[in-house]
């Protein structure tokens, strides 16, 4: 199947996940409501179809888009929502001061997430880990070489989406290939506006490709092993 411009979404059931941070030795449980998550990372072809841009350093329609910042991912979500006639999940502001609030919205650094919107968005960190684990309890949902492109088998290059086995819920490339941007701020007190990245990438060692591994970066950061996948909240 040509997945280059397909935006296949997988229904993720509700559940609870315990997030952990190795740096602070902290852990905290999070309840996750049902939602939908992209079966694949957003491809270069889909990104180009929606935005008209091809920012990636490697070229290939079925390769995950990379070289995209957190802000790029947020803008893509809104553009895809508008293309499909959905309500955009995000309101973007040049400055966070004086931003008008929304009922049921979270305000973070110049962007508001309207949690009642039916449009596309980035997954939260808890949603990402819950979906990655797919009911499994180990560090990975299968043998790493079978499920992920990482430094040990990638020939130090990015690969087409869907080339490895999916997890039990049908989600591909949750580990390896490209890191996924998540909605959450990593640690505002220490790192300011830095956002969470999950999943590991094609250039990472095996220890970074784990369901619990966390990374952080500035929301304007762009590099060749960071991409994203889209989510949608379930209808009430």
C-alpha atoms as a PDB file:
ATOM      1  CA  UNK A   1       0.000   0.000   0.000  1.00  0.00           C
ATOM      2  CA  UNK A   2       1.283   3.478  -0.835  1.00  0.00           C
ATOM      3  CA  UNK A   3       1.315   5.245   2.515  1.00  0.00           C
ATOM      4  CA  UNK A   4       2.976   8.426   1.277  1.00  0.00           C
ATOM      5  CA  UNK A   5      -0.135  10.619   1.442  1.00  0.00           C
ATOM      6  CA  UNK A   6      -2.369   8.341   3.517  1.00  0.00           C
ATOM      7  CA  UNK A   7      -3.305   9.693   6.909  1.00  0.00           C
ATOM      8  CA  UNK A   8      -4.466   6.444   8.508  1.00  0.00           C
ATOM      9  CA  UNK A   9      -5.609   6.891  12.098  1.00  0.00           C
ATOM     10  CA  UNK A  10      -5.689   4.155  14.734  1.00  0.00           C
ATOM     11  CA  UNK A  11      -8.213   4.160  17.605  1.00  0.00           C
ATOM     12  CA  UNK A  12      -6.338   4.078  20.912  1.00  0.00           C
ATOM     13  CA  UNK A  13      -8.299   2.789  23.908  1.00  0.00           C
ATOM     14  CA  UNK A  14      -8.313   4.552  27.286  1.00  0.00           C
ATOM     15  CA  UNK A  15      -5.916   3.521  30.013  1.00  0.00           C
ATOM     16  CA  UNK A  16      -3.324   4.653  32.520  1.00  0.00           C
ATOM     17  CA  UNK A  17       0.395   5.139  31.965  1.00  0.00           C
ATOM     18  CA  UNK A  18       3.135   5.959  34.464  1.00  0.00           C
ATOM     19  CA  UNK A  19       5.644   8.464  33.123  1.00  0.00           C
ATOM     20  CA  UNK A  20       9.178   8.470  34.522  1.00  0.00           C
ATOM     21  CA  UNK A  21      12.070  10.910  34.353  1.00  0.00           C
ATOM     22  CA  UNK A  22      15.554   9.478  34.901  1.00  0.00           C
ATOM     23  CA  UNK A  23      17.122  12.882  35.551  1.00  0.00           C
ATOM     24  CA  UNK A  24      14.851  13.748  38.478  1.00  0.00           C
ATOM     25  CA  UNK A  25      14.065  10.152  39.510  1.00  0.00           C
ATOM     26  CA  UNK A  26      10.401  11.138  39.428  1.00  0.00           C
ATOM     27  CA  UNK A  27       7.396   9.122  38.241  1.00  0.00           C
ATOM     28  CA  UNK A  28       3.753  10.067  37.930  1.00  0.00           C
ATOM     29  CA  UNK A  29       0.598   8.268  36.719  1.00  0.00           C
ATOM     30  CA  UNK A  30      -1.599   9.776  33.999  1.00  0.00           C
ATOM     31  CA  UNK A  31      -5.083   8.730  32.924  1.00  0.00           C
ATOM     32  CA  UNK A  32      -5.462   8.653  29.139  1.00  0.00           C
ATOM     33  CA  UNK A  33      -8.844   9.104  27.454  1.00  0.00           C
ATOM     34  CA  UNK A  34      -9.581   7.369  24.122  1.00  0.00           C
ATOM     35  CA  UNK A  35      -8.249   9.157  21.055  1.00  0.00           C
ATOM     36  CA  UNK A  36      -6.875   8.468  17.582  1.00  0.00           C
ATOM     37  CA  UNK A  37      -3.223   8.469  16.522  1.00  0.00           C
ATOM     38  CA  UNK A  38      -1.529   8.344  13.123  1.00  0.00           C
ATOM     39  CA  UNK A  39      -0.521   4.807  12.167  1.00  0.00           C
ATOM     40  CA  UNK A  40       2.663   6.281  10.664  1.00  0.00           C
ATOM     41  CA  UNK A  41       4.789   9.367  11.160  1.00  0.00           C
ATOM     42  CA  UNK A  42       3.749  12.165   8.804  1.00  0.00           C
ATOM     43  CA  UNK A  43       5.462  11.507   5.464  1.00  0.00           C
ATOM     44  CA  UNK A  44       7.223  13.987   3.233  1.00  0.00           C
ATOM     45  CA  UNK A  45       4.507  13.559   0.602  1.00  0.00           C
ATOM     46  CA  UNK A  46       1.674  14.263   3.050  1.00  0.00           C
ATOM     47  CA  UNK A  47       3.514  17.248   4.498  1.00  0.00           C
ATOM     48  CA  UNK A  48       4.084  18.657   1.006  1.00  0.00           C
ATOM     49  CA  UNK A  49       0.471  18.007   0.003  1.00  0.00           C
ATOM     50  CA  UNK A  50      -0.796  19.986   2.982  1.00  0.00           C
ATOM     51  CA  UNK A  51       1.811  22.770   3.241  1.00  0.00           C
ATOM     52  CA  UNK A  52       3.492  22.919  -0.169  1.00  0.00           C
ATOM     53  CA  UNK A  53       6.872  22.630   1.580  1.00  0.00           C
ATOM     54  CA  UNK A  54       9.566  19.940   1.586  1.00  0.00           C
ATOM     55  CA  UNK A  55      11.908  20.785   4.456  1.00  0.00           C
ATOM     56  CA  UNK A  56      13.641  17.407   4.818  1.00  0.00           C
ATOM     57  CA  UNK A  57      17.314  16.793   4.094  1.00  0.00           C
ATOM     58  CA  UNK A  58      16.676  13.308   2.648  1.00  0.00           C
ATOM     59  CA  UNK A  59      14.256  12.997  -0.274  1.00  0.00           C
ATOM     60  CA  UNK A  60      11.469  10.454  -0.646  1.00  0.00           C
ATOM     61  CA  UNK A  61       7.683  10.612  -0.576  1.00  0.00           C
ATOM     62  CA  UNK A  62       7.382   7.731   1.891  1.00  0.00           C
ATOM     63  CA  UNK A  63      10.163   8.905   4.181  1.00  0.00           C
ATOM     64  CA  UNK A  64       9.054  10.553   7.426  1.00  0.00           C
ATOM     65  CA  UNK A  65       9.180  14.316   7.181  1.00  0.00           C
ATOM     66  CA  UNK A  66      12.080  15.653   9.261  1.00  0.00           C
ATOM     67  CA  UNK A  67      13.785  18.973   9.711  1.00  0.00           C
ATOM     68  CA  UNK A  68      10.509  20.256  11.166  1.00  0.00           C
ATOM     69  CA  UNK A  69      10.227  22.216  14.395  1.00  0.00           C
ATOM     70  CA  UNK A  70       7.526  21.817  17.027  1.00  0.00           C
ATOM     71  CA  UNK A  71       5.988  25.023  15.662  1.00  0.00           C
ATOM     72  CA  UNK A  72       6.035  23.562  12.129  1.00  0.00           C
ATOM     73  CA  UNK A  73       4.204  20.486  13.446  1.00  0.00           C
ATOM     74  CA  UNK A  74       1.571  22.616  15.194  1.00  0.00           C
ATOM     75  CA  UNK A  75       0.966  24.658  12.036  1.00  0.00           C
ATOM     76  CA  UNK A  76       0.721  21.471   9.972  1.00  0.00           C
ATOM     77  CA  UNK A  77      -1.959  20.122  12.325  1.00  0.00           C
ATOM     78  CA  UNK A  78      -4.056  23.245  11.812  1.00  0.00           C
ATOM     79  CA  UNK A  79      -3.557  23.191   8.037  1.00  0.00           C
ATOM     80  CA  UNK A  80      -4.582  19.525   7.792  1.00  0.00           C
ATOM     81  CA  UNK A  81      -7.633  20.233   9.942  1.00  0.00           C
ATOM     82  CA  UNK A  82      -8.733  23.060   7.656  1.00  0.00           C
ATOM     83  CA  UNK A  83      -8.115  20.913   4.574  1.00  0.00           C
ATOM     84  CA  UNK A  84     -10.477  18.271   5.950  1.00  0.00           C
ATOM     85  CA  UNK A  85     -13.107  20.720   7.206  1.00  0.00           C
ATOM     86  CA  UNK A  86     -12.316  20.185  10.887  1.00  0.00           C
ATOM     87  CA  UNK A  87     -11.960  22.729  13.670  1.00  0.00           C
ATOM     88  CA  UNK A  88      -8.264  23.529  14.196  1.00  0.00           C
ATOM     89  CA  UNK A  89      -7.035  22.448  17.614  1.00  0.00           C
ATOM     90  CA  UNK A  90      -4.598  25.328  18.043  1.00  0.00           C
ATOM     91  CA  UNK A  91      -4.872  29.103  18.235  1.00  0.00           C
ATOM     92  CA  UNK A  92      -1.476  30.680  17.613  1.00  0.00           C
ATOM     93  CA  UNK A  93      -0.426  34.020  19.067  1.00  0.00           C
ATOM     94  CA  UNK A  94       2.630  36.158  18.408  1.00  0.00           C
ATOM     95  CA  UNK A  95       2.784  36.907  22.124  1.00  0.00           C
ATOM     96  CA  UNK A  96       1.303  34.881  24.940  1.00  0.00           C
ATOM     97  CA  UNK A  97       0.394  38.015  26.915  1.00  0.00           C
ATOM     98  CA  UNK A  98      -3.211  39.015  26.565  1.00  0.00           C
ATOM     99  CA  UNK A  99      -4.266  35.902  24.709  1.00  0.00           C
ATOM    100  CA  UNK A 100      -7.969  35.338  24.934  1.00  0.00           C
ATOM    101  CA  UNK A 101      -8.850  32.165  26.754  1.00  0.00           C
ATOM    102  CA  UNK A 102     -11.077  29.363  25.544  1.00  0.00           C
ATOM    103  CA  UNK A 103     -13.390  27.200  27.559  1.00  0.00           C
ATOM    104  CA  UNK A 104     -11.540  23.958  28.204  1.00  0.00           C
ATOM    105  CA  UNK A 105      -8.304  25.241  26.646  1.00  0.00           C
ATOM    106  CA  UNK A 106      -4.696  24.991  27.792  1.00  0.00           C
ATOM    107  CA  UNK A 107      -2.504  28.049  27.180  1.00  0.00           C
ATOM    108  CA  UNK A 108       1.226  27.509  26.593  1.00  0.00           C
ATOM    109  CA  UNK A 109       3.723  30.034  25.251  1.00  0.00           C
ATOM    110  CA  UNK A 110       1.816  31.662  22.452  1.00  0.00           C
ATOM    111  CA  UNK A 111      -0.373  28.716  21.491  1.00  0.00           C
ATOM    112  CA  UNK A 112      -3.712  27.622  22.897  1.00  0.00           C
ATOM    113  CA  UNK A 113      -5.006  24.090  22.563  1.00  0.00           C
ATOM    114  CA  UNK A 114      -8.773  24.022  22.253  1.00  0.00           C
ATOM    115  CA  UNK A 115      -9.422  20.620  23.789  1.00  0.00           C
ATOM    116  CA  UNK A 116     -13.003  20.650  22.440  1.00  0.00           C
ATOM    117  CA  UNK A 117     -11.845  20.926  18.803  1.00  0.00           C
ATOM    118  CA  UNK A 118     -12.177  17.911  16.501  1.00  0.00           C
ATOM    119  CA  UNK A 119      -9.109  18.776  14.421  1.00  0.00           C
ATOM    120  CA  UNK A 120      -5.617  17.323  14.331  1.00  0.00           C
ATOM    121  CA  UNK A 121      -3.065  17.926  17.066  1.00  0.00           C
ATOM    122  CA  UNK A 122       0.110  16.535  18.556  1.00  0.00           C
ATOM    123  CA  UNK A 123      -0.258  13.730  21.086  1.00  0.00           C
ATOM    124  CA  UNK A 124       0.463  14.449  24.702  1.00  0.00           C
ATOM    125  CA  UNK A 125       3.458  12.689  26.166  1.00  0.00           C
ATOM    126  CA  UNK A 126       1.197  10.347  28.138  1.00  0.00           C
ATOM    127  CA  UNK A 127      -0.858   9.552  25.017  1.00  0.00           C
ATOM    128  CA  UNK A 128       2.322   8.824  23.097  1.00  0.00           C
ATOM    129  CA  UNK A 129       3.711   6.385  25.675  1.00  0.00           C
ATOM    130  CA  UNK A 130       0.345   4.688  26.199  1.00  0.00           C
ATOM    131  CA  UNK A 131       0.052   4.152  22.443  1.00  0.00           C
ATOM    132  CA  UNK A 132       3.665   3.041  22.077  1.00  0.00           C
ATOM    133  CA  UNK A 133       3.331   0.391  24.778  1.00  0.00           C
ATOM    134  CA  UNK A 134       0.029  -0.873  23.354  1.00  0.00           C
ATOM    135  CA  UNK A 135      -0.632  -2.957  26.447  1.00  0.00           C
ATOM    136  CA  UNK A 136       2.929  -4.282  26.755  1.00  0.00           C
ATOM    137  CA  UNK A 137       4.972  -3.752  29.906  1.00  0.00           C
ATOM    138  CA  UNK A 138       8.606  -4.037  28.795  1.00  0.00           C
ATOM    139  CA  UNK A 139      10.905  -1.317  27.455  1.00  0.00           C
ATOM    140  CA  UNK A 140       9.802  -2.157  23.899  1.00  0.00           C
ATOM    141  CA  UNK A 141       6.795  -3.782  22.250  1.00  0.00           C
ATOM    142  CA  UNK A 142       8.972  -6.305  20.395  1.00  0.00           C
ATOM    143  CA  UNK A 143      12.561  -7.192  19.455  1.00  0.00           C
ATOM    144  CA  UNK A 144      14.236  -3.932  18.477  1.00  0.00           C
ATOM    145  CA  UNK A 145      15.547  -5.091  15.091  1.00  0.00           C
ATOM    146  CA  UNK A 146      12.045  -6.214  14.121  1.00  0.00           C
ATOM    147  CA  UNK A 147      10.245  -2.999  15.072  1.00  0.00           C
ATOM    148  CA  UNK A 148      12.655  -0.078  14.686  1.00  0.00           C
ATOM    149  CA  UNK A 149      15.285   1.599  12.531  1.00  0.00           C
ATOM    150  CA  UNK A 150      18.112   2.644  14.853  1.00  0.00           C
ATOM    151  CA  UNK A 151      21.886   2.985  14.620  1.00  0.00           C
ATOM    152  CA  UNK A 152      22.392  -0.768  14.801  1.00  0.00           C
ATOM    153  CA  UNK A 153      20.458  -1.532  11.584  1.00  0.00           C
ATOM    154  CA  UNK A 154      19.664   1.733   9.762  1.00  0.00           C
ATOM    155  CA  UNK A 155      22.957   2.164   7.873  1.00  0.00           C
ATOM    156  CA  UNK A 156      22.823   5.612   9.504  1.00  0.00           C
ATOM    157  CA  UNK A 157      19.999   6.839   7.299  1.00  0.00           C
ATOM    158  CA  UNK A 158      16.268   7.387   7.486  1.00  0.00           C
ATOM    159  CA  UNK A 159      13.869   4.787   6.053  1.00  0.00           C
ATOM    160  CA  UNK A 160      10.381   4.680   4.546  1.00  0.00           C
ATOM    161  CA  UNK A 161       7.556   4.510   7.045  1.00  0.00           C
ATOM    162  CA  UNK A 162       5.973   1.129   7.714  1.00  0.00           C
ATOM    163  CA  UNK A 163       9.054  -0.931   6.930  1.00  0.00           C
ATOM    164  CA  UNK A 164       9.154  -2.564  10.354  1.00  0.00           C
ATOM    165  CA  UNK A 165       6.567  -4.530  12.317  1.00  0.00           C
ATOM    166  CA  UNK A 166       3.823  -2.448  13.980  1.00  0.00           C
ATOM    167  CA  UNK A 167       2.992  -2.664  17.651  1.00  0.00           C
ATOM    168  CA  UNK A 168      -0.048  -4.688  18.830  1.00  0.00           C
ATOM    169  CA  UNK A 169      -2.375  -1.768  18.090  1.00  0.00           C
ATOM    170  CA  UNK A 170      -1.163  -1.331  14.495  1.00  0.00           C
ATOM    171  CA  UNK A 171       1.114   1.683  15.018  1.00  0.00           C
ATOM    172  CA  UNK A 172       4.337   1.712  12.984  1.00  0.00           C
ATOM    173  CA  UNK A 173       7.696   3.335  13.774  1.00  0.00           C
ATOM    174  CA  UNK A 174       6.751   4.292  17.310  1.00  0.00           C
ATOM    175  CA  UNK A 175      10.380   3.506  18.138  1.00  0.00           C
ATOM    176  CA  UNK A 176      13.241   4.470  15.851  1.00  0.00           C
ATOM    177  CA  UNK A 177      13.339   6.189  12.436  1.00  0.00           C
ATOM    178  CA  UNK A 178      12.420   9.672  13.716  1.00  0.00           C
ATOM    179  CA  UNK A 179      11.700  11.143  17.130  1.00  0.00           C
ATOM    180  CA  UNK A 180       8.116  12.371  17.580  1.00  0.00           C
ATOM    181  CA  UNK A 181       7.320  15.850  18.864  1.00  0.00           C
ATOM    182  CA  UNK A 182       4.735  15.811  21.686  1.00  0.00           C
ATOM    183  CA  UNK A 183       2.558  18.643  22.973  1.00  0.00           C
ATOM    184  CA  UNK A 184       4.048  18.847  26.450  1.00  0.00           C
ATOM    185  CA  UNK A 185       6.612  21.223  27.910  1.00  0.00           C
ATOM    186  CA  UNK A 186       9.483  19.088  29.255  1.00  0.00           C
ATOM    187  CA  UNK A 187      10.270  20.939  32.515  1.00  0.00           C
ATOM    188  CA  UNK A 188       9.338  24.614  32.522  1.00  0.00           C
ATOM    189  CA  UNK A 189      11.262  25.471  35.684  1.00  0.00           C
ATOM    190  CA  UNK A 190      14.558  24.129  34.335  1.00  0.00           C
ATOM    191  CA  UNK A 191      14.241  24.201  30.524  1.00  0.00           C
ATOM    192  CA  UNK A 192      11.650  26.902  29.862  1.00  0.00           C
ATOM    193  CA  UNK A 193       9.679  26.285  26.663  1.00  0.00           C
ATOM    194  CA  UNK A 194      11.531  23.113  25.623  1.00  0.00           C
ATOM    195  CA  UNK A 195       9.108  20.443  24.378  1.00  0.00           C
ATOM    196  CA  UNK A 196       9.100  16.684  24.755  1.00  0.00           C
ATOM    197  CA  UNK A 197      10.441  14.311  22.101  1.00  0.00           C
ATOM    198  CA  UNK A 198       9.746  10.576  22.176  1.00  0.00           C
ATOM    199  CA  UNK A 199      10.690   7.352  20.430  1.00  0.00           C
ATOM    200  CA  UNK A 200      14.307   7.547  19.313  1.00  0.00           C
ATOM    201  CA  UNK A 201      15.603   7.936  15.778  1.00  0.00           C
ATOM    202  CA  UNK A 202      17.634   6.285  13.035  1.00  0.00           C
ATOM    203  CA  UNK A 203      20.941   7.572  14.444  1.00  0.00           C
ATOM    204  CA  UNK A 204      20.275   6.623  18.084  1.00  0.00           C
ATOM    205  CA  UNK A 205      21.713   3.753  20.063  1.00  0.00           C
ATOM    206  CA  UNK A 206      19.374   1.065  21.361  1.00  0.00           C
ATOM    207  CA  UNK A 207      18.996   2.642  24.807  1.00  0.00           C
ATOM    208  CA  UNK A 208      17.225   5.683  23.325  1.00  0.00           C
ATOM    209  CA  UNK A 209      14.658   3.507  21.541  1.00  0.00           C
ATOM    210  CA  UNK A 210      12.519   2.637  24.556  1.00  0.00           C
ATOM    211  CA  UNK A 211       8.908   3.371  25.400  1.00  0.00           C
ATOM    212  CA  UNK A 212       9.926   5.363  28.485  1.00  0.00           C
ATOM    213  CA  UNK A 213      12.859   7.338  27.020  1.00  0.00           C
ATOM    214  CA  UNK A 214      12.384  11.122  27.090  1.00  0.00           C
ATOM    215  CA  UNK A 215      14.238  13.829  25.220  1.00  0.00           C
ATOM    216  CA  UNK A 216      13.720  17.585  25.040  1.00  0.00           C
ATOM    217  CA  UNK A 217      14.384  20.374  22.581  1.00  0.00           C
ATOM    218  CA  UNK A 218      13.530  23.989  21.873  1.00  0.00           C
ATOM    219  CA  UNK A 219      10.263  24.284  19.892  1.00  0.00           C
ATOM    220  CA  UNK A 220      12.125  26.005  17.031  1.00  0.00           C
ATOM    221  CA  UNK A 221      14.691  23.175  16.712  1.00  0.00           C
ATOM    222  CA  UNK A 222      14.962  21.419  13.339  1.00  0.00           C
ATOM    223  CA  UNK A 223      17.146  18.359  12.696  1.00  0.00           C
ATOM    224  CA  UNK A 224      17.210  15.345  10.395  1.00  0.00           C
ATOM    225  CA  UNK A 225      16.001  12.750  12.913  1.00  0.00           C
ATOM    226  CA  UNK A 226      12.986  14.580  14.375  1.00  0.00           C
ATOM    227  CA  UNK A 227       9.480  14.386  12.895  1.00  0.00           C
ATOM    228  CA  UNK A 228       5.978  13.899  14.286  1.00  0.00           C
ATOM    229  CA  UNK A 229       2.672  12.081  13.975  1.00  0.00           C
ATOM    230  CA  UNK A 230      -0.796  13.493  14.413  1.00  0.00           C
ATOM    231  CA  UNK A 231      -3.560  12.756  16.882  1.00  0.00           C
ATOM    232  CA  UNK A 232      -7.256  13.563  17.181  1.00  0.00           C
ATOM    233  CA  UNK A 233      -9.408  13.569  20.282  1.00  0.00           C
ATOM    234  CA  UNK A 234     -12.243  11.070  20.313  1.00  0.00           C
ATOM    235  CA  UNK A 235     -15.745  12.439  19.804  1.00  0.00           C
ATOM    236  CA  UNK A 236     -17.541  12.983  23.148  1.00  0.00           C
END
